């Protein structure tokens, strides 16, 4: 399995428009972050988790040319706004399967009604095959399956996803014990870490590190990072031995 970090930034990305913050002015490419997303290549299968406003740029940079499915964590714009840019994949493959909570599918259908239209479709519009994700129901692809991980983003339900020994969770603030039980024996955990200061809807650094000690993966990578967290190089020096600050275009093999 290969995991490509398409984006590791928070909703505004880094640099933030108009910001004079020192991290936004950094010349270190690891301090430049597109909106958060990953591309998972699992044997012959290819999945993208979330499809934000930087999707087109991310696909071009990563060289991704085929997608078996897009899995959505939740409906916020930094995770969904790039849906129209699946058109090149649609033109080659046909309707693209998208997996999400029923609430998220309804949200996407309102916002991208022309994509979900089944009659009198605009000829240039992409098409999707919407598939509902429910808690405690695995998503099967042949002999492989993906395990949805239920969590809370403030008061909003979100899904993380476990692919074999790899798990990806972003925009989480609370994770119930039933979900923690599904995160045992991981080789790699990816978890959101917004900043050092507490936040109402996201893990801060202290909370993320505490959660890592509970789950005890072999390695953990932090993502959904704000410029306020600090310079990549300086933050990495403060992290425990098996915890890494993810960055855009990082590829790991599991």
Protein backbone atom coordinates (compact mmCIF):
# COMPACT_ATOMS: atom_id res chain seq x y z
CA UNK A 1 0.00 0.00 0.00
CA UNK A 2 1.19 3.49 -0.87
CA UNK A 3 -0.24 6.63 0.72
CA UNK A 4 0.34 9.95 -1.02
CA UNK A 5 -0.45 13.09 0.98
CA UNK A 6 -2.17 15.27 -1.60
CA UNK A 7 -2.70 18.08 0.90
CA UNK A 8 -2.02 18.57 4.60
CA UNK A 9 -3.38 22.05 5.29
CA UNK A 10 -6.45 23.35 7.03
CA UNK A 11 -9.42 25.01 5.33
CA UNK A 12 -7.52 28.12 4.22
CA UNK A 13 -4.38 26.31 3.13
CA UNK A 14 -0.89 27.70 3.67
CA UNK A 15 -0.01 30.40 2.81
CA UNK A 16 -3.25 32.06 3.85
CA UNK A 17 -4.41 34.75 1.44
CA UNK A 18 -3.09 38.14 2.53
CA UNK A 19 -1.36 36.79 5.64
CA UNK A 20 1.89 38.30 6.88
CA UNK A 21 2.49 35.42 9.28
CA UNK A 22 6.08 34.15 9.13
CA UNK A 23 5.02 30.59 8.27
CA UNK A 24 3.00 31.91 5.33
CA UNK A 25 6.17 33.61 4.07
CA UNK A 26 8.36 30.54 4.57
CA UNK A 27 10.57 29.40 1.69
CA UNK A 28 10.51 25.79 2.95
CA UNK A 29 8.21 23.83 0.56
CA UNK A 30 7.06 21.74 3.54
CA UNK A 31 5.39 24.85 4.93
CA UNK A 32 3.18 25.20 1.84
CA UNK A 33 0.02 23.15 2.34
CA UNK A 34 -2.96 22.52 0.07
CA UNK A 35 -6.31 21.48 1.51
CA UNK A 36 -6.24 18.10 3.22
CA UNK A 37 -6.60 14.88 1.20
CA UNK A 38 -4.84 11.55 0.61
CA UNK A 39 -4.48 9.16 -2.30
CA UNK A 40 -4.32 5.49 -1.26
CA UNK A 41 -2.96 2.94 -3.72
CA UNK A 42 -3.77 -0.53 -2.39
CA UNK A 43 -2.47 -3.18 -4.76
CA UNK A 44 -4.42 -2.54 -7.97
CA UNK A 45 -7.00 -0.27 -6.28
CA UNK A 46 -6.87 3.53 -6.16
CA UNK A 47 -8.82 5.64 -3.65
CA UNK A 48 -8.91 9.33 -2.83
CA UNK A 49 -10.20 10.51 0.54
CA UNK A 50 -11.92 13.90 0.14
CA UNK A 51 -12.00 16.08 -2.95
CA UNK A 52 -11.34 19.67 -1.94
CA UNK A 53 -10.82 22.88 -3.93
CA UNK A 54 -7.21 21.94 -4.76
CA UNK A 55 -8.19 18.59 -6.31
CA UNK A 56 -7.19 19.41 -9.90
CA UNK A 57 -3.77 20.67 -8.88
CA UNK A 58 -3.28 17.68 -6.60
CA UNK A 59 -4.11 15.19 -9.35
CA UNK A 60 -1.72 16.84 -11.77
CA UNK A 61 1.11 16.99 -9.24
CA UNK A 62 0.66 13.43 -7.97
CA UNK A 63 0.22 11.85 -11.40
CA UNK A 64 -2.97 10.07 -10.38
CA UNK A 65 -4.72 8.85 -13.54
CA UNK A 66 -7.34 6.44 -12.22
CA UNK A 67 -9.73 6.50 -9.25
CA UNK A 68 -11.78 3.51 -8.15
CA UNK A 69 -13.68 5.60 -5.61
CA UNK A 70 -13.71 8.83 -3.63
CA UNK A 71 -14.49 8.53 0.07
CA UNK A 72 -15.76 11.64 1.84
CA UNK A 73 -15.19 12.35 5.50
CA UNK A 74 -17.85 15.11 5.67
CA UNK A 75 -19.41 17.88 3.64
CA UNK A 76 -17.34 20.96 4.47
CA UNK A 77 -16.10 22.84 1.43
CA UNK A 78 -12.40 22.23 1.98
CA UNK A 79 -13.18 18.50 1.63
CA UNK A 80 -15.74 18.58 -1.21
CA UNK A 81 -15.46 21.71 -3.38
CA UNK A 82 -13.38 20.01 -6.09
CA UNK A 83 -16.04 17.49 -7.08
CA UNK A 84 -16.57 19.04 -10.53
CA UNK A 85 -12.92 18.36 -11.37
CA UNK A 86 -13.52 14.61 -11.51
CA UNK A 87 -14.55 15.20 -15.14
CA UNK A 88 -11.35 13.78 -16.72
CA UNK A 89 -11.79 10.61 -14.69
CA UNK A 90 -15.46 10.41 -15.66
CA UNK A 91 -14.72 10.82 -19.36
CA UNK A 92 -12.32 7.85 -19.17
CA UNK A 93 -14.07 5.65 -16.63
CA UNK A 94 -17.76 6.57 -16.53
CA UNK A 95 -19.61 7.37 -13.30
CA UNK A 96 -17.20 7.70 -10.38
CA UNK A 97 -18.28 5.88 -7.18
CA UNK A 98 -18.45 8.27 -4.23
CA UNK A 99 -18.91 7.03 -0.69
CA UNK A 100 -20.27 9.25 2.09
CA UNK A 101 -22.76 9.53 4.91
CA UNK A 102 -26.32 9.96 3.62
CA UNK A 103 -26.34 13.53 4.96
CA UNK A 104 -23.21 14.32 2.96
CA UNK A 105 -24.60 12.79 -0.23
CA UNK A 106 -27.71 14.97 0.10
CA UNK A 107 -25.53 18.02 0.66
CA UNK A 108 -23.48 17.27 -2.45
CA UNK A 109 -26.62 16.68 -4.50
CA UNK A 110 -27.91 20.14 -3.55
CA UNK A 111 -24.64 21.86 -4.35
CA UNK A 112 -23.74 19.87 -7.47
CA UNK A 113 -27.22 19.05 -8.75
CA UNK A 114 -26.05 18.88 -12.38
CA UNK A 115 -23.63 16.06 -11.46
CA UNK A 116 -26.39 14.00 -9.86
CA UNK A 117 -28.93 14.70 -12.63
CA UNK A 118 -30.10 11.52 -14.38
CA UNK A 119 -32.27 13.09 -17.09
CA UNK A 120 -31.49 15.94 -19.50
CA UNK A 121 -27.89 15.98 -18.32
CA UNK A 122 -25.55 18.67 -19.57
CA UNK A 123 -23.23 16.74 -21.92
CA UNK A 124 -20.03 18.02 -20.31
CA UNK A 125 -21.06 17.27 -16.74
CA UNK A 126 -19.35 14.49 -14.80
CA UNK A 127 -21.36 11.67 -13.25
CA UNK A 128 -21.15 9.87 -9.95
CA UNK A 129 -22.40 6.67 -8.41
CA UNK A 130 -23.41 7.73 -4.87
CA UNK A 131 -23.10 5.02 -2.20
CA UNK A 132 -24.11 5.58 1.41
CA UNK A 133 -21.61 4.89 4.18
CA UNK A 134 -23.06 3.74 7.48
CA UNK A 135 -21.39 3.06 10.80
CA UNK A 136 -20.40 -0.59 11.39
CA UNK A 137 -20.79 -1.53 7.71
CA UNK A 138 -17.59 -2.29 5.85
CA UNK A 139 -17.04 -1.16 2.26
CA UNK A 140 -15.99 -4.12 0.15
CA UNK A 141 -13.87 -4.13 -3.00
CA UNK A 142 -13.43 -7.78 -3.96
CA UNK A 143 -11.59 -9.48 -1.10
CA UNK A 144 -10.56 -6.15 0.45
CA UNK A 145 -12.61 -3.92 2.69
CA UNK A 146 -12.47 -0.41 4.14
CA UNK A 147 -13.71 0.15 7.67
CA UNK A 148 -15.57 3.43 8.35
CA UNK A 149 -14.50 5.03 11.64
CA UNK A 150 -17.20 7.13 13.30
CA UNK A 151 -16.08 10.38 14.98
CA UNK A 152 -17.26 13.88 15.87
CA UNK A 153 -16.12 17.19 14.39
CA UNK A 154 -17.54 19.39 17.13
CA UNK A 155 -21.26 18.59 16.85
CA UNK A 156 -20.94 17.21 13.32
CA UNK A 157 -20.55 13.50 12.63
CA UNK A 158 -17.61 12.62 10.37
CA UNK A 159 -16.09 9.39 9.06
CA UNK A 160 -12.48 8.33 9.10
CA UNK A 161 -11.44 5.24 7.18
CA UNK A 162 -9.26 2.23 7.91
CA UNK A 163 -7.55 0.43 5.02
CA UNK A 164 -6.02 -2.76 6.41
CA UNK A 165 -3.28 -1.52 8.80
CA UNK A 166 -3.60 2.14 7.76
CA UNK A 167 -6.17 4.56 9.20
CA UNK A 168 -6.96 8.13 8.19
CA UNK A 169 -8.91 10.53 10.40
CA UNK A 170 -9.25 14.25 9.89
CA UNK A 171 -11.38 17.03 11.37
CA UNK A 172 -12.03 15.06 14.54
CA UNK A 173 -12.49 16.35 18.07
CA UNK A 174 -14.08 13.36 19.80
CA UNK A 175 -13.67 9.67 18.97
CA UNK A 176 -15.92 7.18 20.80
CA UNK A 177 -14.57 4.04 22.43
CA UNK A 178 -16.32 1.89 19.80
CA UNK A 179 -14.25 3.60 17.12
CA UNK A 180 -11.03 3.41 19.12
CA UNK A 181 -11.56 -0.36 19.28
CA UNK A 182 -11.42 -0.40 15.45
CA UNK A 183 -8.05 1.36 15.44
CA UNK A 184 -5.93 -1.28 17.14
CA UNK A 185 -2.82 -2.87 15.60
CA UNK A 186 -2.18 -0.11 13.09
CA UNK A 187 1.05 0.30 11.20
CA UNK A 188 0.20 3.92 10.40
CA UNK A 189 -2.34 6.35 11.82
CA UNK A 190 -2.98 9.77 10.25
CA UNK A 191 -4.73 12.21 12.58
CA UNK A 192 -5.58 15.92 12.41
CA UNK A 193 -3.60 18.45 14.42
CA UNK A 194 -4.69 22.03 13.90
CA UNK A 195 -2.49 24.01 16.28
CA UNK A 196 -1.19 24.08 19.87
CA UNK A 197 -4.06 26.14 21.27
CA UNK A 198 -7.37 24.31 21.97
CA UNK A 199 -10.05 24.43 19.27
CA UNK A 200 -13.77 23.69 19.50
CA UNK A 201 -13.93 21.24 16.59
CA UNK A 202 -10.39 19.96 15.93
CA UNK A 203 -7.68 18.15 17.87
CA UNK A 204 -4.89 20.42 18.95
CA UNK A 205 -1.35 19.04 19.22
CA UNK A 206 -1.73 17.87 22.82
CA UNK A 207 -4.98 16.04 22.07
CA UNK A 208 -3.58 14.38 18.96
CA UNK A 209 -0.49 13.14 20.80
CA UNK A 210 -2.66 11.85 23.64
CA UNK A 211 -4.86 9.99 21.17
CA UNK A 212 -1.79 8.45 19.54
CA UNK A 213 -0.68 7.08 22.93
CA UNK A 214 -4.12 5.48 23.32
CA UNK A 215 -4.21 3.86 19.87
CA UNK A 216 -0.49 3.04 19.84
CA UNK A 217 0.20 2.74 16.07
CA UNK A 218 3.70 1.90 14.96
CA UNK A 219 3.87 5.31 13.29
CA UNK A 220 1.63 8.36 13.28
CA UNK A 221 1.44 11.31 10.90
CA UNK A 222 -0.17 14.65 11.71
CA UNK A 223 -2.26 16.46 9.10
CA UNK A 224 -4.88 19.24 8.66
CA UNK A 225 -2.28 21.70 9.90
CA UNK A 226 -2.69 25.43 10.42
CA UNK A 227 0.08 27.95 9.89
CA UNK A 228 -0.32 28.79 13.57
CA UNK A 229 1.19 25.42 14.51
CA UNK A 230 4.56 26.73 13.35
CA UNK A 231 7.38 25.93 10.95
CA UNK A 232 7.50 22.32 9.81
CA UNK A 233 11.15 21.84 10.73
CA UNK A 234 10.73 23.31 14.23
CA UNK A 235 7.53 21.40 15.03
CA UNK A 236 9.02 18.09 13.89
CA UNK A 237 11.90 18.44 16.36
CA UNK A 238 9.42 18.56 19.26
CA UNK A 239 7.49 15.43 18.30
CA UNK A 240 7.92 11.96 19.80
CA UNK A 241 10.11 9.47 17.97
CA UNK A 242 7.32 7.68 16.08
CA UNK A 243 5.26 10.79 15.24
CA UNK A 244 5.81 12.79 12.07
CA UNK A 245 4.45 16.01 10.66
CA UNK A 246 3.02 15.13 7.24
CA UNK A 247 3.62 17.46 4.32
CA UNK A 248 2.26 17.83 0.81
CA UNK A 249 3.52 15.21 -1.69
CA UNK A 250 4.94 12.97 1.03
CA UNK A 251 4.58 9.31 0.02
CA UNK A 252 4.76 6.45 2.49
CA UNK A 253 4.72 2.71 1.83
CA UNK A 254 2.98 0.34 4.23
